[in-house]
């Protein structure tokens, strides 16, 4: 029998390593989600720092265990900080994660994200289908920061982007697809529709990816672990608040609780993972 290339138990081991080591994650993220991203990382067991001043980002990146760049609320001085922080991180062999929020929405945003791709050279990119397709020049209409495409439609674009950066790309959606430059692909079908009604959940998944990349040198495995853990936590949180007759406001808190308290058996029982060592040829082309 062929041995699976990635096991749920292996991903759980990464969860435990994050909890035990509390990696320091430097976030240059957007104003809308900054507090929630920090709380998500704390609940996970990581240590967040939100530093964006040009005068200190190089020093902060040099001591961090991972850098997460999120372009949700762009302004020129932050863009300069993102580039400097990323260059510093790469010099110190610290993983760089890019969340290209709203890529494709405006000419300015497209220009900035292309500059970051070229100059910052991220190891991991996580975005929705429209964002990922936009980064490869595909026509993918977007509604602000919302995707108009399904994650399945972005597989070719994700592989193309992964080969460009020599790293890993995650396309998030009803099914999350994680693809690396070698064609390895993991697909996860966890999560709950209510997660899309809470500002910052997607951005927090990128922040969590930074935490897992800090402790797991295999960027593809790290990204898969982060998305799996967030997806399962979202399911549990949604079911918990729905059983109480509550809604998405309460789910924000329930998600934090679940990320902190989830047990191994709950994770292993719920995870819906398919992983292959190569992307099928027709999806590469």
Protein backbone atom coordinates (compact mmCIF):
# COMPACT_ATOMS: atom_id res chain seq x y z
CA UNK A 1 0.00 0.00 0.00
CA UNK A 2 1.29 3.44 -0.93
CA UNK A 3 2.13 5.54 2.10
CA UNK A 4 0.21 8.85 2.22
CA UNK A 5 2.51 11.83 1.73
CA UNK A 6 0.85 13.81 4.50
CA UNK A 7 -1.05 12.57 7.53
CA UNK A 8 -3.46 14.39 9.81
CA UNK A 9 -1.36 13.25 12.78
CA UNK A 10 1.65 15.02 11.25
CA UNK A 11 -0.30 18.27 11.06
CA UNK A 12 -1.38 17.91 14.68
CA UNK A 13 2.28 17.56 15.66
CA UNK A 14 2.83 21.00 14.13
CA UNK A 15 -0.05 22.41 16.20
CA UNK A 16 1.66 21.15 19.35
CA UNK A 17 5.00 22.64 18.28
CA UNK A 18 3.40 26.07 17.84
CA UNK A 19 1.81 25.82 21.30
CA UNK A 20 5.06 24.71 22.92
CA UNK A 21 7.47 27.14 21.24
CA UNK A 22 5.30 30.32 20.91
CA UNK A 23 7.02 31.65 17.75
CA UNK A 24 7.23 35.42 17.34
CA UNK A 25 5.26 36.50 14.27
CA UNK A 26 5.89 39.98 12.85
CA UNK A 27 2.74 41.27 11.13
CA UNK A 28 2.52 44.25 8.83
CA UNK A 29 -1.19 43.88 8.34
CA UNK A 30 -4.20 46.02 7.63
CA UNK A 31 -5.96 48.35 10.05
CA UNK A 32 -9.29 46.52 9.84
CA UNK A 33 -8.00 43.20 11.19
CA UNK A 34 -4.97 44.07 13.31
CA UNK A 35 -6.48 43.35 16.72
CA UNK A 36 -8.28 40.18 15.65
CA UNK A 37 -5.16 38.80 13.94
CA UNK A 38 -3.19 39.36 17.14
CA UNK A 39 -5.83 37.60 19.24
CA UNK A 40 -5.99 34.68 16.81
CA UNK A 41 -2.23 34.20 17.09
CA UNK A 42 -2.35 34.40 20.87
CA UNK A 43 -5.16 31.83 21.01
CA UNK A 44 -3.14 29.55 18.74
CA UNK A 45 -0.17 29.82 21.08
CA UNK A 46 2.05 32.12 19.00
CA UNK A 47 3.36 35.57 19.95
CA UNK A 48 2.23 38.43 17.66
CA UNK A 49 3.91 41.76 17.11
CA UNK A 50 2.27 44.44 14.95
CA UNK A 51 5.06 46.79 13.86
CA UNK A 52 4.93 48.83 10.67
CA UNK A 53 7.09 51.94 11.24
CA UNK A 54 9.90 52.14 8.69
CA UNK A 55 12.30 53.06 11.48
CA UNK A 56 11.94 49.69 13.24
CA UNK A 57 10.67 47.04 10.83
CA UNK A 58 14.14 45.82 9.89
CA UNK A 59 15.10 45.30 13.53
CA UNK A 60 11.79 43.61 14.26
CA UNK A 61 12.00 41.28 11.28
CA UNK A 62 15.52 40.28 12.24
CA UNK A 63 14.37 38.90 15.60
CA UNK A 64 11.03 37.43 14.47
CA UNK A 65 10.41 33.80 13.52
CA UNK A 66 8.20 34.71 10.56
CA UNK A 67 6.95 37.80 8.73
CA UNK A 68 3.38 38.21 7.48
CA UNK A 69 2.61 40.98 4.97
CA UNK A 70 -1.03 41.91 4.33
CA UNK A 71 -1.87 44.61 1.78
CA UNK A 72 -5.48 45.18 2.86
CA UNK A 73 -5.12 48.89 3.71
CA UNK A 74 -2.29 50.25 1.62
CA UNK A 75 -0.45 53.50 2.04
CA UNK A 76 2.95 54.44 0.64
CA UNK A 77 4.94 54.44 3.91
CA UNK A 78 3.59 51.00 4.81
CA UNK A 79 4.57 49.67 1.39
CA UNK A 80 8.15 50.83 2.00
CA UNK A 81 8.07 49.11 5.39
CA UNK A 82 6.79 45.87 3.85
CA UNK A 83 9.61 45.78 1.33
CA UNK A 84 12.32 46.55 3.89
CA UNK A 85 10.97 44.04 6.40
CA UNK A 86 10.76 41.31 3.77
CA UNK A 87 14.28 41.91 2.51
CA UNK A 88 15.56 41.73 6.08
CA UNK A 89 13.62 38.55 6.78
CA UNK A 90 14.96 36.85 3.69
CA UNK A 91 18.51 37.85 4.67
CA UNK A 92 18.00 36.05 8.00
CA UNK A 93 16.27 33.06 6.36
CA UNK A 94 12.97 33.93 8.05
CA UNK A 95 9.84 32.84 6.13
CA UNK A 96 7.82 35.57 4.45
CA UNK A 97 4.07 35.15 3.96
CA UNK A 98 2.10 37.45 1.64
CA UNK A 99 -1.66 37.99 1.75
CA UNK A 100 -2.52 39.95 -1.44
CA UNK A 101 -5.85 41.28 -0.16
CA UNK A 102 -7.92 42.78 -2.97
CA UNK A 103 -5.38 42.11 -5.71
CA UNK A 104 -7.02 42.93 -9.02
CA UNK A 105 -9.32 45.57 -7.56
CA UNK A 106 -7.32 48.72 -8.44
CA UNK A 107 -4.32 49.68 -10.54
CA UNK A 108 -2.45 50.93 -7.47
CA UNK A 109 -2.98 47.70 -5.58
CA UNK A 110 -1.86 45.68 -8.60
CA UNK A 111 1.30 47.74 -8.97
CA UNK A 112 2.18 47.44 -5.29
CA UNK A 113 1.66 43.70 -5.10
CA UNK A 114 3.82 43.19 -8.19
CA UNK A 115 6.58 45.25 -6.56
CA UNK A 116 6.31 43.14 -3.41
CA UNK A 117 6.43 39.92 -5.40
CA UNK A 118 9.55 41.08 -7.21
CA UNK A 119 11.40 42.75 -4.36
CA UNK A 120 10.19 40.87 -1.27
CA UNK A 121 10.17 37.36 -2.76
CA UNK A 122 7.63 35.74 -0.41
CA UNK A 123 7.93 32.05 0.45
CA UNK A 124 4.17 31.58 0.84
CA UNK A 125 1.18 33.37 -0.68
CA UNK A 126 -2.37 32.88 0.64
CA UNK A 127 -5.36 34.44 -1.04
CA UNK A 128 -8.76 33.80 -2.54
CA UNK A 129 -9.22 32.61 -6.11
CA UNK A 130 -9.66 36.06 -7.67
CA UNK A 131 -6.56 37.38 -5.91
CA UNK A 132 -4.38 34.45 -6.94
CA UNK A 133 -5.58 34.58 -10.53
CA UNK A 134 -4.95 38.31 -10.65
CA UNK A 135 -1.33 37.81 -9.59
CA UNK A 136 -0.71 35.69 -12.69
CA UNK A 137 -2.39 38.08 -15.09
CA UNK A 138 -5.59 36.08 -15.41
CA UNK A 139 -8.85 37.96 -15.83
CA UNK A 140 -10.57 37.51 -12.47
CA UNK A 141 -13.18 40.13 -11.57
CA UNK A 142 -13.25 41.02 -7.89
CA UNK A 143 -15.72 42.85 -5.65
CA UNK A 144 -13.39 44.87 -3.44
CA UNK A 145 -11.67 42.17 -1.42
CA UNK A 146 -14.20 39.42 -2.20
CA UNK A 147 -13.57 36.62 -4.69
CA UNK A 148 -15.86 36.08 -7.65
CA UNK A 149 -14.25 32.73 -8.53
CA UNK A 150 -14.13 29.34 -6.82
CA UNK A 151 -10.83 27.99 -5.56
CA UNK A 152 -11.05 25.10 -8.05
CA UNK A 153 -10.80 27.56 -10.94
CA UNK A 154 -7.49 28.94 -9.69
CA UNK A 155 -5.40 25.76 -9.58
CA UNK A 156 -3.41 26.54 -12.71
CA UNK A 157 -2.79 30.11 -11.56
CA UNK A 158 -1.70 28.86 -8.13
CA UNK A 159 0.82 26.44 -9.62
CA UNK A 160 2.13 29.10 -11.98
CA UNK A 161 2.57 31.49 -9.05
CA UNK A 162 4.20 28.81 -6.90
CA UNK A 163 6.81 28.16 -9.59
CA UNK A 164 7.46 31.89 -9.90
CA UNK A 165 8.23 32.32 -6.19
CA UNK A 166 9.78 28.88 -5.76
CA UNK A 167 7.45 28.31 -2.83
CA UNK A 168 3.88 27.57 -1.79
CA UNK A 169 0.55 29.10 -2.76
CA UNK A 170 -2.77 28.59 -0.97
CA UNK A 171 -6.06 29.30 -2.70
CA UNK A 172 -8.73 29.62 -0.04
CA UNK A 173 -12.40 28.93 -0.58
CA UNK A 174 -15.04 26.31 0.12
CA UNK A 175 -12.16 23.94 -0.57
CA UNK A 176 -8.68 25.20 0.24
CA UNK A 177 -5.95 24.13 -2.18
CA UNK A 178 -2.28 24.31 -1.18
CA UNK A 179 0.21 23.87 -4.03
CA UNK A 180 4.00 24.12 -4.10
CA UNK A 181 6.54 24.61 -6.87
CA UNK A 182 7.06 20.85 -7.17
CA UNK A 183 3.39 20.23 -7.85
CA UNK A 184 2.47 18.81 -4.46
CA UNK A 185 -1.16 19.61 -3.69
CA UNK A 186 -3.26 19.33 -0.56
CA UNK A 187 -7.00 19.98 -0.58
CA UNK A 188 -9.01 20.70 2.56
CA UNK A 189 -12.81 20.75 2.76
CA UNK A 190 -13.25 22.02 6.30
CA UNK A 191 -14.71 25.32 7.46
CA UNK A 192 -18.16 26.89 7.63
CA UNK A 193 -19.91 29.58 5.51
CA UNK A 194 -20.23 31.84 8.54
CA UNK A 195 -16.45 32.29 8.54
CA UNK A 196 -16.91 34.58 5.53
CA UNK A 197 -19.18 36.88 7.59
CA UNK A 198 -16.46 37.76 10.11
CA UNK A 199 -13.94 40.41 9.12
CA UNK A 200 -10.41 39.16 9.54
CA UNK A 201 -10.80 35.38 9.41
CA UNK A 202 -9.03 35.06 6.06
CA UNK A 203 -6.32 37.49 7.11
CA UNK A 204 -5.97 35.55 10.36
CA UNK A 205 -5.43 32.36 8.38
CA UNK A 206 -2.46 34.07 6.75
CA UNK A 207 -1.16 35.14 10.17
CA UNK A 208 -1.54 31.56 11.38
CA UNK A 209 0.36 30.36 8.33
CA UNK A 210 3.25 32.48 9.54
CA UNK A 211 3.14 30.73 12.92
CA UNK A 212 3.26 27.28 11.35
CA UNK A 213 5.98 28.28 8.87
CA UNK A 214 8.05 29.46 11.82
CA UNK A 215 8.21 25.94 13.26
CA UNK A 216 7.91 23.80 10.12
CA UNK A 217 10.55 24.28 7.38
CA UNK A 218 8.42 22.48 4.79
CA UNK A 219 6.36 25.50 3.66
CA UNK A 220 3.73 23.32 1.97
CA UNK A 221 3.14 21.27 5.11
CA UNK A 222 3.13 24.40 7.27
CA UNK A 223 0.49 26.07 5.10
CA UNK A 224 -1.63 22.93 5.04
CA UNK A 225 -1.46 22.65 8.83
CA UNK A 226 -2.53 26.26 9.29
CA UNK A 227 -5.47 26.01 6.92
CA UNK A 228 -6.56 22.66 8.36
CA UNK A 229 -6.51 23.96 11.91
CA UNK A 230 -8.42 27.12 11.01
CA UNK A 231 -10.98 25.16 9.00
CA UNK A 232 -11.70 22.63 11.73
CA UNK A 233 -11.84 25.39 14.36
CA UNK A 234 -14.34 27.30 12.23
CA UNK A 235 -16.60 24.27 11.98
CA UNK A 236 -16.59 23.68 15.72
CA UNK A 237 -17.11 27.36 16.53
CA UNK A 238 -20.05 27.67 14.15
CA UNK A 239 -21.74 24.55 15.49
CA UNK A 240 -21.23 25.75 19.06
CA UNK A 241 -22.89 29.14 18.60
CA UNK A 242 -25.68 27.80 16.38
CA UNK A 243 -26.57 25.29 19.10
CA UNK A 244 -26.97 28.26 21.47
CA UNK A 245 -29.11 30.20 19.00
CA UNK A 246 -26.32 32.75 18.53
CA UNK A 247 -24.76 34.27 15.42
CA UNK A 248 -21.52 35.46 13.91
CA UNK A 249 -20.82 38.02 16.65
CA UNK A 250 -20.55 35.23 19.18
CA UNK A 251 -18.68 33.09 16.67
CA UNK A 252 -15.74 35.50 16.71
CA UNK A 253 -15.21 34.64 20.38
CA UNK A 254 -15.99 30.96 19.90
CA UNK A 255 -13.33 30.76 17.20
CA UNK A 256 -10.70 32.13 19.58
CA UNK A 257 -11.78 29.67 22.26
CA UNK A 258 -11.65 26.74 19.86
CA UNK A 259 -8.20 27.63 18.52
CA UNK A 260 -6.90 27.66 22.09
CA UNK A 261 -8.68 24.59 23.44
CA UNK A 262 -9.10 22.16 20.55
CA UNK A 263 -8.12 18.57 21.37
CA UNK A 264 -6.25 16.13 19.16
CA UNK A 265 -9.18 13.73 18.80
CA UNK A 266 -11.52 16.50 17.63
CA UNK A 267 -9.00 17.63 15.01
CA UNK A 268 -8.31 14.14 13.70
CA UNK A 269 -11.99 13.22 13.60
CA UNK A 270 -13.00 16.25 11.55
CA UNK A 271 -10.14 17.00 9.16
CA UNK A 272 -11.00 16.43 5.50
CA UNK A 273 -7.63 16.21 3.76
CA UNK A 274 -6.55 14.90 0.37
CA UNK A 275 -2.85 15.22 -0.42
CA UNK A 276 -0.96 14.17 -3.55
CA UNK A 277 2.67 14.37 -4.55
CA UNK A 278 1.91 15.85 -7.94
CA UNK A 279 -0.62 18.12 -9.57
CA UNK A 280 -2.36 16.46 -12.50
CA UNK A 281 -0.88 17.53 -15.88
CA UNK A 282 -4.06 19.20 -17.16
CA UNK A 283 -4.16 21.44 -14.09
CA UNK A 284 -0.51 22.44 -14.55
CA UNK A 285 -0.97 23.49 -18.15
